Amino acid sequence: MIHIDNIITGVFSEHHFSMAVRESQKLANVFKAKVRPVHVIETLGFNPFYPRETEESRLEDLNKFKVDVDHLYNKHGANHIEEPVVQIGRIHNELVRVANDYDNSLIVVGRH
């Protein structure tokens, strides 16, 4: 059987959180792996629509987003779940970056 230590899970919304993390937890049980959720604010949603945005305002938005993410984990529990990664960037780049930080990773991602 394939050896997987880490399941990198892309999360895009609260609804998606429930589905993606639940499926990742099932895989974590099979492989005895850790779920490493990745929440990303897409960069495309920022500068083109908010030209007066500054680095300070981006960091402020990121901190607000982190509070929302923490609320998800308190609400749903944390079986096999490691500390979530919260970033501003491109989703695929952040998932790959996190996967490269850990050996034997599987990336789980999906959208409705």
PDB file of N, CA and C in Angstrom:
ATOM      1  N   MET A   1       0.835  -1.175   0.000  1.00  0.00           N
ATOM      2  CA  MET A   1       0.000   0.000   0.000  1.00  0.00           C
ATOM      3  C   MET A   1       0.888   1.251   0.000  1.00  0.00           C
ATOM      4  N   ILE A   2       0.399   2.303  -0.615  1.00  0.00           N
ATOM      5  CA  ILE A   2       1.112   3.573  -0.671  1.00  0.00           C
ATOM      6  C   ILE A   2       1.199   4.162   0.737  1.00  0.00           C
ATOM      7  N   HIS A   3       2.357   4.771   1.034  1.00  0.00           N
ATOM      8  CA  HIS A   3       2.563   5.392   2.339  1.00  0.00           C
ATOM      9  C   HIS A   3       2.314   6.893   2.222  1.00  0.00           C
ATOM     10  N   ILE A   4       1.298   7.389   2.908  1.00  0.00           N
ATOM     11  CA  ILE A   4       0.967   8.817   2.894  1.00  0.00           C
ATOM     12  C   ILE A   4       0.985   9.321   4.333  1.00  0.00           C
ATOM     13  N   ASP A   5       1.756  10.384   4.570  1.00  0.00           N
ATOM     14  CA  ASP A   5       1.840  10.970   5.908  1.00  0.00           C
ATOM     15  C   ASP A   5       0.994  12.220   6.061  1.00  0.00           C
ATOM     16  N   ASN A   6       0.785  12.938   4.953  1.00  0.00           N
ATOM     17  CA  ASN A   6       0.120  14.236   5.005  1.00  0.00           C
ATOM     18  C   ASN A   6      -0.913  14.346   3.900  1.00  0.00           C
ATOM     19  N   ILE A   7      -2.088  14.847   4.266  1.00  0.00           N
ATOM     20  CA  ILE A   7      -3.132  15.096   3.282  1.00  0.00           C
ATOM     21  C   ILE A   7      -3.347  16.603   3.244  1.00  0.00           C
ATOM     22  N   ILE A   8      -2.896  17.214   2.159  1.00  0.00           N
ATOM     23  CA  ILE A   8      -3.003  18.659   1.974  1.00  0.00           C
ATOM     24  C   ILE A   8      -4.395  18.924   1.399  1.00  0.00           C
ATOM     25  N   THR A   9      -5.216  19.691   2.131  1.00  0.00           N
ATOM     26  CA  THR A   9      -6.610  19.871   1.751  1.00  0.00           C
ATOM     27  C   THR A   9      -6.899  21.323   1.423  1.00  0.00           C
ATOM     28  N   GLY A  10      -7.260  21.590   0.179  1.00  0.00           N
ATOM     29  CA  GLY A  10      -7.654  22.937  -0.234  1.00  0.00           C
ATOM     30  C   GLY A  10      -9.071  23.211   0.230  1.00  0.00           C
ATOM     31  N   VAL A  11      -9.256  24.332   0.929  1.00  0.00           N
ATOM     32  CA  VAL A  11     -10.573  24.695   1.457  1.00  0.00           C
ATOM     33  C   VAL A  11     -10.947  26.070   0.914  1.00  0.00           C
ATOM     34  N   PHE A  12     -12.176  26.177   0.363  1.00  0.00           N
ATOM     35  CA  PHE A  12     -12.566  27.407  -0.320  1.00  0.00           C
ATOM     36  C   PHE A  12     -13.765  28.105   0.304  1.00  0.00           C
ATOM     37  N   SER A  13     -14.527  27.433   1.151  1.00  0.00           N
ATOM     38  CA  SER A  13     -15.689  28.040   1.800  1.00  0.00           C
ATOM     39  C   SER A  13     -16.063  27.205   3.013  1.00  0.00           C
ATOM     40  N   GLU A  14     -16.993  27.720   3.820  1.00  0.00           N
ATOM     41  CA  GLU A  14     -17.413  26.956   4.997  1.00  0.00           C
ATOM     42  C   GLU A  14     -18.091  25.663   4.576  1.00  0.00           C
ATOM     43  N   HIS A  15     -18.913  25.719   3.540  1.00  0.00           N
ATOM     44  CA  HIS A  15     -19.574  24.501   3.054  1.00  0.00           C
ATOM     45  C   HIS A  15     -18.526  23.510   2.541  1.00  0.00           C
ATOM     46  N   HIS A  16     -17.579  24.015   1.766  1.00  0.00           N
ATOM     47  CA  HIS A  16     -16.523  23.164   1.226  1.00  0.00           C
ATOM     48  C   HIS A  16     -15.665  22.609   2.351  1.00  0.00           C
ATOM     49  N   PHE A  17     -15.473  23.409   3.412  1.00  0.00           N
ATOM     50  CA  PHE A  17     -14.711  22.944   4.573  1.00  0.00           C
ATOM     51  C   PHE A  17     -15.295  21.636   5.082  1.00  0.00           C
ATOM     52  N   SER A  18     -16.604  21.631   5.275  1.00  0.00           N
ATOM     53  CA  SER A  18     -17.254  20.428   5.812  1.00  0.00           C
ATOM     54  C   SER A  18     -17.012  19.224   4.923  1.00  0.00           C
ATOM     55  N   MET A  19     -17.171  19.396   3.612  1.00  0.00           N
ATOM     56  CA  MET A  19     -17.018  18.269   2.692  1.00  0.00           C
ATOM     57  C   MET A  19     -15.554  17.856   2.549  1.00  0.00           C
ATOM     58  N   ALA A  20     -14.681  18.798   2.255  1.00  0.00           N
ATOM     59  CA  ALA A  20     -13.284  18.481   1.976  1.00  0.00           C
ATOM     60  C   ALA A  20     -12.581  17.912   3.201  1.00  0.00           C
ATOM     61  N   VAL A  21     -12.784  18.535   4.337  1.00  0.00           N
ATOM     62  CA  VAL A  21     -12.096  18.082   5.537  1.00  0.00           C
ATOM     63  C   VAL A  21     -12.662  16.741   5.989  1.00  0.00           C
ATOM     64  N   ARG A  22     -13.958  16.548   5.863  1.00  0.00           N
ATOM     65  CA  ARG A  22     -14.555  15.260   6.239  1.00  0.00           C
ATOM     66  C   ARG A  22     -13.962  14.131   5.397  1.00  0.00           C
ATOM     67  N   GLU A  23     -13.850  14.347   4.080  1.00  0.00           N
ATOM     68  CA  GLU A  23     -13.267  13.327   3.201  1.00  0.00           C
ATOM     69  C   GLU A  23     -11.781  13.126   3.504  1.00  0.00           C
ATOM     70  N   SER A  24     -11.080  14.213   3.801  1.00  0.00           N
ATOM     71  CA  SER A  24      -9.661  14.109   4.150  1.00  0.00           C
ATOM     72  C   SER A  24      -9.472  13.345   5.453  1.00  0.00           C
ATOM     73  N   GLN A  25     -10.380  13.542   6.398  1.00  0.00           N
ATOM     74  CA  GLN A  25     -10.291  12.804   7.663  1.00  0.00           C
ATOM     75  C   GLN A  25     -10.503  11.311   7.437  1.00  0.00           C
ATOM     76  N   LYS A  26     -11.387  10.946   6.520  1.00  0.00           N
ATOM     77  CA  LYS A  26     -11.574   9.526   6.191  1.00  0.00           C
ATOM     78  C   LYS A  26     -10.280   8.942   5.632  1.00  0.00           C
ATOM     79  N   LEU A  27      -9.640   9.677   4.723  1.00  0.00           N
ATOM     80  CA  LEU A  27      -8.362   9.224   4.172  1.00  0.00           C
ATOM     81  C   LEU A  27      -7.293   9.164   5.265  1.00  0.00           C
ATOM     82  N   ALA A  28      -7.306  10.141   6.162  1.00  0.00           N
ATOM     83  CA  ALA A  28      -6.330  10.161   7.254  1.00  0.00           C
ATOM     84  C   ALA A  28      -6.478   8.925   8.131  1.00  0.00           C
ATOM     85  N   ASN A  29      -7.691   8.477   8.349  1.00  0.00           N
ATOM     86  CA  ASN A  29      -7.905   7.262   9.133  1.00  0.00           C
ATOM     87  C   ASN A  29      -7.327   6.042   8.434  1.00  0.00           C
ATOM     88  N   VAL A  30      -7.492   5.974   7.126  1.00  0.00           N
ATOM     89  CA  VAL A  30      -6.982   4.828   6.359  1.00  0.00           C
ATOM     90  C   VAL A  30      -5.456   4.807   6.381  1.00  0.00           C
ATOM     91  N   PHE A  31      -4.827   5.969   6.130  1.00  0.00           N
ATOM     92  CA  PHE A  31      -3.373   6.036   6.002  1.00  0.00           C
ATOM     93  C   PHE A  31      -2.662   6.411   7.298  1.00  0.00           C
ATOM     94  N   LYS A  32      -3.423   6.683   8.350  1.00  0.00           N
ATOM     95  CA  LYS A  32      -2.842   7.176   9.608  1.00  0.00           C
ATOM     96  C   LYS A  32      -2.004   8.420   9.342  1.00  0.00           C
ATOM     97  N   ALA A  33      -2.618   9.335   8.597  1.00  0.00           N
ATOM     98  CA  ALA A  33      -1.953  10.560   8.152  1.00  0.00           C
ATOM     99  C   ALA A  33      -2.520  11.773   8.881  1.00  0.00           C
ATOM    100  N   LYS A  34      -1.881  12.916   8.666  1.00  0.00           N
ATOM    101  CA  LYS A  34      -2.335  14.191   9.216  1.00  0.00           C
ATOM    102  C   LYS A  34      -2.984  15.005   8.102  1.00  0.00           C
ATOM    103  N   VAL A  35      -4.069  15.676   8.435  1.00  0.00           N
ATOM    104  CA  VAL A  35      -4.738  16.576   7.490  1.00  0.00           C
ATOM    105  C   VAL A  35      -4.153  17.962   7.693  1.00  0.00           C
ATOM    106  N   ARG A  36      -3.685  18.558   6.609  1.00  0.00           N
ATOM    107  CA  ARG A  36      -3.111  19.906   6.654  1.00  0.00           C
ATOM    108  C   ARG A  36      -3.950  20.805   5.750  1.00  0.00           C
ATOM    109  N   PRO A  37      -4.947  21.516   6.321  1.00  0.00           N
ATOM    110  CA  PRO A  37      -5.819  22.365   5.504  1.00  0.00           C
ATOM    111  C   PRO A  37      -5.117  23.636   5.045  1.00  0.00           C
ATOM    112  N   VAL A  38      -5.435  24.040   3.829  1.00  0.00           N
ATOM    113  CA  VAL A  38      -4.864  25.253   3.241  1.00  0.00           C
ATOM    114  C   VAL A  38      -6.024  26.142   2.798  1.00  0.00           C
ATOM    115  N   HIS A  39      -6.121  27.327   3.406  1.00  0.00           N
ATOM    116  CA  HIS A  39      -7.140  28.322   3.057  1.00  0.00           C
ATOM    117  C   HIS A  39      -6.428  29.443   2.320  1.00  0.00           C
ATOM    118  N   VAL A  40      -6.929  29.800   1.144  1.00  0.00           N
ATOM    119  CA  VAL A  40      -6.246  30.805   0.322  1.00  0.00           C
ATOM    120  C   VAL A  40      -7.227  31.885  -0.106  1.00  0.00           C
ATOM    121  N   ILE A  41      -6.827  33.142   0.098  1.00  0.00           N
ATOM    122  CA  ILE A  41      -7.541  34.267  -0.491  1.00  0.00           C
ATOM    123  C   ILE A  41      -6.892  34.479  -1.846  1.00  0.00           C
ATOM    124  N   GLU A  42      -7.651  34.304  -2.916  1.00  0.00           N
ATOM    125  CA  GLU A  42      -7.107  34.438  -4.275  1.00  0.00           C
ATOM    126  C   GLU A  42      -6.661  35.870  -4.533  1.00  0.00           C
ATOM    127  N   THR A  43      -5.471  36.039  -5.088  1.00  0.00           N
ATOM    128  CA  THR A  43      -4.950  37.373  -5.399  1.00  0.00           C
ATOM    129  C   THR A  43      -5.767  38.050  -6.486  1.00  0.00           C
ATOM    130  N   LEU A  44      -6.425  37.299  -7.330  1.00  0.00           N
ATOM    131  CA  LEU A  44      -7.239  37.909  -8.386  1.00  0.00           C
ATOM    132  C   LEU A  44      -8.382  38.723  -7.807  1.00  0.00           C
ATOM    133  N   GLY A  45      -8.793  38.436  -6.587  1.00  0.00           N
ATOM    134  CA  GLY A  45      -9.885  39.154  -5.961  1.00  0.00           C
ATOM    135  C   GLY A  45      -9.478  40.478  -5.355  1.00  0.00           C
ATOM    136  N   PHE A  46      -8.211  40.807  -5.401  1.00  0.00           N
ATOM    137  CA  PHE A  46      -7.756  42.012  -4.728  1.00  0.00           C
ATOM    138  C   PHE A  46      -7.487  43.174  -5.689  1.00  0.00           C
ATOM    139  N   ASN A  47      -6.284  43.325  -6.159  1.00  0.00           N
ATOM    140  CA  ASN A  47      -5.864  44.535  -6.859  1.00  0.00           C
ATOM    141  C   ASN A  47      -6.730  44.961  -8.038  1.00  0.00           C
ATOM    142  N   PRO A  48      -7.178  44.078  -8.925  1.00  0.00           N
ATOM    143  CA  PRO A  48      -7.979  44.559 -10.059  1.00  0.00           C
ATOM    144  C   PRO A  48      -9.260  45.276  -9.626  1.00  0.00           C
ATOM    145  N   PHE A  49      -9.844  44.865  -8.504  1.00  0.00           N
ATOM    146  CA  PHE A  49     -11.101  45.443  -8.070  1.00  0.00           C
ATOM    147  C   PHE A  49     -10.926  46.495  -6.987  1.00  0.00           C
ATOM    148  N   TYR A  50      -9.766  46.518  -6.358  1.00  0.00           N
ATOM    149  CA  TYR A  50      -9.491  47.465  -5.289  1.00  0.00           C
ATOM    150  C   TYR A  50      -8.148  48.155  -5.545  1.00  0.00           C
ATOM    151  N   PRO A  51      -8.104  49.068  -6.502  1.00  0.00           N
ATOM    152  CA  PRO A  51      -6.821  49.671  -6.885  1.00  0.00           C
ATOM    153  C   PRO A  51      -6.141  50.459  -5.772  1.00  0.00           C
ATOM    154  N   ARG A  52      -6.906  50.923  -4.752  1.00  0.00           N
ATOM    155  CA  ARG A  52      -6.280  51.683  -3.659  1.00  0.00           C
ATOM    156  C   ARG A  52      -5.811  50.785  -2.527  1.00  0.00           C
ATOM    157  N   GLU A  53      -5.863  49.508  -2.732  1.00  0.00           N
ATOM    158  CA  GLU A  53      -5.436  48.565  -1.710  1.00  0.00           C
ATOM    159  C   GLU A  53      -3.936  48.713  -1.432  1.00  0.00           C
ATOM    160  N   THR A  54      -3.584  48.586  -0.171  1.00  0.00           N
ATOM    161  CA  THR A  54      -2.181  48.656   0.236  1.00  0.00           C
ATOM    162  C   THR A  54      -1.779  47.321   0.852  1.00  0.00           C
ATOM    163  N   GLU A  55      -0.505  47.148   1.067  1.00  0.00           N
ATOM    164  CA  GLU A  55      -0.021  45.938   1.741  1.00  0.00           C
ATOM    165  C   GLU A  55      -0.618  45.846   3.143  1.00  0.00           C
ATOM    166  N   GLU A  56      -0.752  46.977   3.805  1.00  0.00           N
ATOM    167  CA  GLU A  56      -1.336  47.003   5.151  1.00  0.00           C
ATOM    168  C   GLU A  56      -2.791  46.523   5.128  1.00  0.00           C
ATOM    169  N   SER A  57      -3.564  46.977   4.146  1.00  0.00           N
ATOM    170  CA  SER A  57      -4.965  46.549   4.077  1.00  0.00           C
ATOM    171  C   SER A  57      -5.066  45.065   3.722  1.00  0.00           C
ATOM    172  N   ARG A  58      -4.138  44.564   2.912  1.00  0.00           N
ATOM    173  CA  ARG A  58      -4.130  43.133   2.606  1.00  0.00           C
ATOM    174  C   ARG A  58      -3.858  42.304   3.848  1.00  0.00           C
ATOM    175  N   LEU A  59      -2.895  42.735   4.653  1.00  0.00           N
ATOM    176  CA  LEU A  59      -2.586  42.014   5.893  1.00  0.00           C
ATOM    177  C   LEU A  59      -3.748  42.076   6.875  1.00  0.00           C
ATOM    178  N   GLU A  60      -4.431  43.215   6.919  1.00  0.00           N
ATOM    179  CA  GLU A  60      -5.612  43.339   7.772  1.00  0.00           C
ATOM    180  C   GLU A  60      -6.698  42.358   7.328  1.00  0.00           C
ATOM    181  N   ASP A  61      -6.928  42.264   6.015  1.00  0.00           N
ATOM    182  CA  ASP A  61      -7.910  41.315   5.483  1.00  0.00           C
ATOM    183  C   ASP A  61      -7.494  39.881   5.786  1.00  0.00           C
ATOM    184  N   LEU A  62      -6.200  39.604   5.678  1.00  0.00           N
ATOM    185  CA  LEU A  62      -5.695  38.267   5.973  1.00  0.00           C
ATOM    186  C   LEU A  62      -5.944  37.901   7.437  1.00  0.00           C
ATOM    187  N   ASN A  63      -5.706  38.842   8.343  1.00  0.00           N
ATOM    188  CA  ASN A  63      -5.938  38.586   9.761  1.00  0.00           C
ATOM    189  C   ASN A  63      -7.417  38.345  10.060  1.00  0.00           C
ATOM    190  N   LYS A  64      -8.309  39.095   9.401  1.00  0.00           N
ATOM    191  CA  LYS A  64      -9.747  38.868   9.570  1.00  0.00           C
ATOM    192  C   LYS A  64     -10.121  37.476   9.065  1.00  0.00           C
ATOM    193  N   PHE A  65      -9.532  37.093   7.951  1.00  0.00           N
ATOM    194  CA  PHE A  65      -9.806  35.781   7.370  1.00  0.00           C
ATOM    195  C   PHE A  65      -9.336  34.675   8.312  1.00  0.00           C
ATOM    196  N   LYS A  66      -8.174  34.870   8.949  1.00  0.00           N
ATOM    197  CA  LYS A  66      -7.656  33.874   9.889  1.00  0.00           C
ATOM    198  C   LYS A  66      -8.614  33.677  11.064  1.00  0.00           C
ATOM    199  N   VAL A  67      -9.242  34.749  11.531  1.00  0.00           N
ATOM    200  CA  VAL A  67     -10.223  34.646  12.618  1.00  0.00           C
ATOM    201  C   VAL A  67     -11.402  33.788  12.158  1.00  0.00           C
ATOM    202  N   ASP A  68     -11.879  34.015  10.929  1.00  0.00           N
ATOM    203  CA  ASP A  68     -12.972  33.204  10.389  1.00  0.00           C
ATOM    204  C   ASP A  68     -12.567  31.739  10.280  1.00  0.00           C
ATOM    205  N   VAL A  69     -11.342  31.488   9.857  1.00  0.00           N
ATOM    206  CA  VAL A  69     -10.848  30.121   9.725  1.00  0.00           C
ATOM    207  C   VAL A  69     -10.798  29.455  11.101  1.00  0.00           C
ATOM    208  N   ASP A  70     -10.303  30.160  12.100  1.00  0.00           N
ATOM    209  CA  ASP A  70     -10.260  29.604  13.456  1.00  0.00           C
ATOM    210  C   ASP A  70     -11.657  29.228  13.927  1.00  0.00           C
ATOM    211  N   HIS A  71     -12.636  30.043  13.583  1.00  0.00           N
ATOM    212  CA  HIS A  71     -14.025  29.754  13.952  1.00  0.00           C
ATOM    213  C   HIS A  71     -14.485  28.428  13.345  1.00  0.00           C
ATOM    214  N   LEU A  72     -14.088  28.146  12.115  1.00  0.00           N
ATOM    215  CA  LEU A  72     -14.453  26.878  11.481  1.00  0.00           C
ATOM    216  C   LEU A  72     -13.932  25.689  12.278  1.00  0.00           C
ATOM    217  N   TYR A  73     -12.704  25.779  12.705  1.00  0.00           N
ATOM    218  CA  TYR A  73     -12.101  24.643  13.390  1.00  0.00           C
ATOM    219  C   TYR A  73     -12.666  24.459  14.788  1.00  0.00           C
ATOM    220  N   ASN A  74     -12.999  25.540  15.454  1.00  0.00           N
ATOM    221  CA  ASN A  74     -13.637  25.403  16.755  1.00  0.00           C
ATOM    222  C   ASN A  74     -15.032  24.810  16.613  1.00  0.00           C
ATOM    223  N   LYS A  75     -15.698  25.152  15.534  1.00  0.00           N
ATOM    224  CA  LYS A  75     -17.070  24.716  15.309  1.00  0.00           C
ATOM    225  C   LYS A  75     -17.148  23.238  14.933  1.00  0.00           C
ATOM    226  N   HIS A  76     -16.211  22.763  14.139  1.00  0.00           N
ATOM    227  CA  HIS A  76     -16.308  21.423  13.572  1.00  0.00           C
ATOM    228  C   HIS A  76     -15.401  20.384  14.220  1.00  0.00           C
ATOM    229  N   GLY A  77     -14.576  20.762  15.150  1.00  0.00           N
ATOM    230  CA  GLY A  77     -13.673  19.785  15.744  1.00  0.00           C
ATOM    231  C   GLY A  77     -12.401  19.653  14.923  1.00  0.00           C
ATOM    232  N   ALA A  78     -11.476  18.850  15.410  1.00  0.00           N
ATOM    233  CA  ALA A  78     -10.170  18.803  14.760  1.00  0.00           C
ATOM    234  C   ALA A  78      -9.550  17.413  14.789  1.00  0.00           C
ATOM    235  N   ASN A  79     -10.278  16.389  14.431  1.00  0.00           N
ATOM    236  CA  ASN A  79      -9.743  15.033  14.403  1.00  0.00           C
ATOM    237  C   ASN A  79      -8.734  14.881  13.267  1.00  0.00           C
ATOM    238  N   HIS A  80      -7.486  14.602  13.584  1.00  0.00           N
ATOM    239  CA  HIS A  80      -6.375  14.446  12.637  1.00  0.00           C
ATOM    240  C   HIS A  80      -5.951  15.760  11.971  1.00  0.00           C
ATOM    241  N   ILE A  81      -6.505  16.889  12.364  1.00  0.00           N
ATOM    242  CA  ILE A  81      -6.252  18.140  11.650  1.00  0.00           C
ATOM    243  C   ILE A  81      -5.134  18.928  12.318  1.00  0.00           C
ATOM    244  N   GLU A  82      -4.155  19.300  11.513  1.00  0.00           N
ATOM    245  CA  GLU A  82      -3.052  20.140  11.965  1.00  0.00           C
ATOM    246  C   GLU A  82      -3.456  21.612  11.834  1.00  0.00           C
ATOM    247  N   GLU A  83      -2.602  22.491  12.299  1.00  0.00           N
ATOM    248  CA  GLU A  83      -2.843  23.932  12.211  1.00  0.00           C
ATOM    249  C   GLU A  83      -3.053  24.338  10.750  1.00  0.00           C
ATOM    250  N   PRO A  84      -4.139  25.047  10.442  1.00  0.00           N
ATOM    251  CA  PRO A  84      -4.387  25.424   9.046  1.00  0.00           C
ATOM    252  C   PRO A  84      -3.400  26.484   8.557  1.00  0.00           C
ATOM    253  N   VAL A  85      -3.112  26.428   7.266  1.00  0.00           N
ATOM    254  CA  VAL A  85      -2.291  27.437   6.604  1.00  0.00           C
ATOM    255  C   VAL A  85      -3.254  28.429   5.963  1.00  0.00           C
ATOM    256  N   VAL A  86      -3.064  29.714   6.219  1.00  0.00           N
ATOM    257  CA  VAL A  86      -3.902  30.753   5.630  1.00  0.00           C
ATOM    258  C   VAL A  86      -2.987  31.709   4.887  1.00  0.00           C
ATOM    259  N   GLN A  87      -3.237  31.890   3.568  1.00  0.00           N
ATOM    260  CA  GLN A  87      -2.363  32.702   2.731  1.00  0.00           C
ATOM    261  C   GLN A  87      -3.156  33.547   1.758  1.00  0.00           C
ATOM    262  N   ILE A  88      -2.513  34.567   1.244  1.00  0.00           N
ATOM    263  CA  ILE A  88      -3.020  35.306   0.090  1.00  0.00           C
ATOM    264  C   ILE A  88      -2.176  34.844  -1.084  1.00  0.00           C
ATOM    265  N   GLY A  89      -2.800  34.425  -2.156  1.00  0.00           N
ATOM    266  CA  GLY A  89      -2.046  33.954  -3.308  1.00  0.00           C
ATOM    267  C   GLY A  89      -2.931  33.211  -4.285  1.00  0.00           C
ATOM    268  N   ARG A  90      -2.302  32.407  -5.111  1.00  0.00           N
ATOM    269  CA  ARG A  90      -3.011  31.554  -6.059  1.00  0.00           C
ATOM    270  C   ARG A  90      -3.185  30.186  -5.416  1.00  0.00           C
ATOM    271  N   ILE A  91      -4.381  29.644  -5.478  1.00  0.00           N
ATOM    272  CA  ILE A  91      -4.699  28.404  -4.783  1.00  0.00           C
ATOM    273  C   ILE A  91      -3.733  27.284  -5.144  1.00  0.00           C
ATOM    274  N   HIS A  92      -3.545  27.047  -6.441  1.00  0.00           N
ATOM    275  CA  HIS A  92      -2.689  25.924  -6.840  1.00  0.00           C
ATOM    276  C   HIS A  92      -1.254  26.116  -6.366  1.00  0.00           C
ATOM    277  N   ASN A  93      -0.755  27.341  -6.393  1.00  0.00           N
ATOM    278  CA  ASN A  93       0.615  27.588  -5.919  1.00  0.00           C
ATOM    279  C   ASN A  93       0.753  27.297  -4.427  1.00  0.00           C
ATOM    280  N   GLU A  94      -0.236  27.708  -3.642  1.00  0.00           N
ATOM    281  CA  GLU A  94      -0.160  27.499  -2.194  1.00  0.00           C
ATOM    282  C   GLU A  94      -0.285  26.019  -1.828  1.00  0.00           C
ATOM    283  N   LEU A  95      -1.154  25.292  -2.529  1.00  0.00           N
ATOM    284  CA  LEU A  95      -1.282  23.857  -2.259  1.00  0.00           C
ATOM    285  C   LEU A  95       0.028  23.133  -2.551  1.00  0.00           C
ATOM    286  N   VAL A  96       0.651  23.467  -3.658  1.00  0.00           N
ATOM    287  CA  VAL A  96       1.926  22.835  -4.026  1.00  0.00           C
ATOM    288  C   VAL A  96       3.020  23.238  -3.047  1.00  0.00           C
ATOM    289  N   ARG A  97       3.026  24.509  -2.636  1.00  0.00           N
ATOM    290  CA  ARG A  97       4.047  24.980  -1.689  1.00  0.00           C
ATOM    291  C   ARG A  97       3.953  24.196  -0.375  1.00  0.00           C
ATOM    292  N   VAL A  98       2.747  24.029   0.141  1.00  0.00           N
ATOM    293  CA  VAL A  98       2.568  23.287   1.390  1.00  0.00           C
ATOM    294  C   VAL A  98       2.945  21.820   1.183  1.00  0.00           C
ATOM    295  N   ALA A  99       2.525  21.223   0.078  1.00  0.00           N
ATOM    296  CA  ALA A  99       2.856  19.818  -0.199  1.00  0.00           C
ATOM    297  C   ALA A  99       4.366  19.616  -0.268  1.00  0.00           C
ATOM    298  N   ASN A 100       5.080  20.579  -0.826  1.00  0.00           N
ATOM    299  CA  ASN A 100       6.540  20.472  -0.916  1.00  0.00           C
ATOM    300  C   ASN A 100       7.216  20.566   0.445  1.00  0.00           C
ATOM    301  N   ASP A 101       6.524  21.147   1.428  1.00  0.00           N
ATOM    302  CA  ASP A 101       7.092  21.268   2.779  1.00  0.00           C
ATOM    303  C   ASP A 101       7.030  19.960   3.558  1.00  0.00           C
ATOM    304  N   TYR A 102       6.227  18.999   3.095  1.00  0.00           N
ATOM    305  CA  TYR A 102       6.027  17.752   3.830  1.00  0.00           C
ATOM    306  C   TYR A 102       6.239  16.558   2.913  1.00  0.00           C
ATOM    307  N   ASP A 103       6.884  15.531   3.436  1.00  0.00           N
ATOM    308  CA  ASP A 103       7.096  14.305   2.672  1.00  0.00           C
ATOM    309  C   ASP A 103       5.810  13.497   2.582  1.00  0.00           C
ATOM    310  N   ASN A 104       5.727  12.681   1.544  1.00  0.00           N
ATOM    311  CA  ASN A 104       4.620  11.732   1.376  1.00  0.00           C
ATOM    312  C   ASN A 104       3.255  12.408   1.491  1.00  0.00           C
ATOM    313  N   SER A 105       3.032  13.407   0.629  1.00  0.00           N
ATOM    314  CA  SER A 105       1.792  14.178   0.683  1.00  0.00           C
ATOM    315  C   SER A 105       0.833  13.804  -0.434  1.00  0.00           C
ATOM    316  N   LEU A 106      -0.438  13.885  -0.115  1.00  0.00           N
ATOM    317  CA  LEU A 106      -1.521  13.731  -1.079  1.00  0.00           C
ATOM    318  C   LEU A 106      -2.309  15.017  -1.038  1.00  0.00           C
ATOM    319  N   ILE A 107      -2.618  15.609  -2.208  1.00  0.00           N
ATOM    320  CA  ILE A 107      -3.403  16.851  -2.251  1.00  0.00           C
ATOM    321  C   ILE A 107      -4.852  16.490  -2.544  1.00  0.00           C
ATOM    322  N   VAL A 108      -5.755  16.978  -1.684  1.00  0.00           N
ATOM    323  CA  VAL A 108      -7.188  16.771  -1.870  1.00  0.00           C
ATOM    324  C   VAL A 108      -7.802  18.146  -2.122  1.00  0.00           C
ATOM    325  N   VAL A 109      -8.469  18.277  -3.255  1.00  0.00           N
ATOM    326  CA  VAL A 109      -9.076  19.568  -3.596  1.00  0.00           C
ATOM    327  C   VAL A 109     -10.292  19.284  -4.475  1.00  0.00           C
ATOM    328  N   GLY A 110     -11.277  20.121  -4.385  1.00  0.00           N
ATOM    329  CA  GLY A 110     -12.467  19.974  -5.217  1.00  0.00           C
ATOM    330  C   GLY A 110     -13.361  21.168  -5.048  1.00  0.00           C
ATOM    331  N   ARG A 111     -14.201  21.372  -5.995  1.00  0.00           N
ATOM    332  CA  ARG A 111     -15.201  22.435  -5.913  1.00  0.00           C
ATOM    333  C   ARG A 111     -16.522  21.864  -6.344  1.00  0.00           C
ATOM    334  N   HIS A 112     -17.597  22.510  -5.869  1.00  0.00           N
ATOM    335  CA  HIS A 112     -18.919  22.017  -6.231  1.00  0.00           C
ATOM    336  C   HIS A 112     -19.008  21.959  -7.730  1.00  0.00           C
TER     337      HIS A 112
END
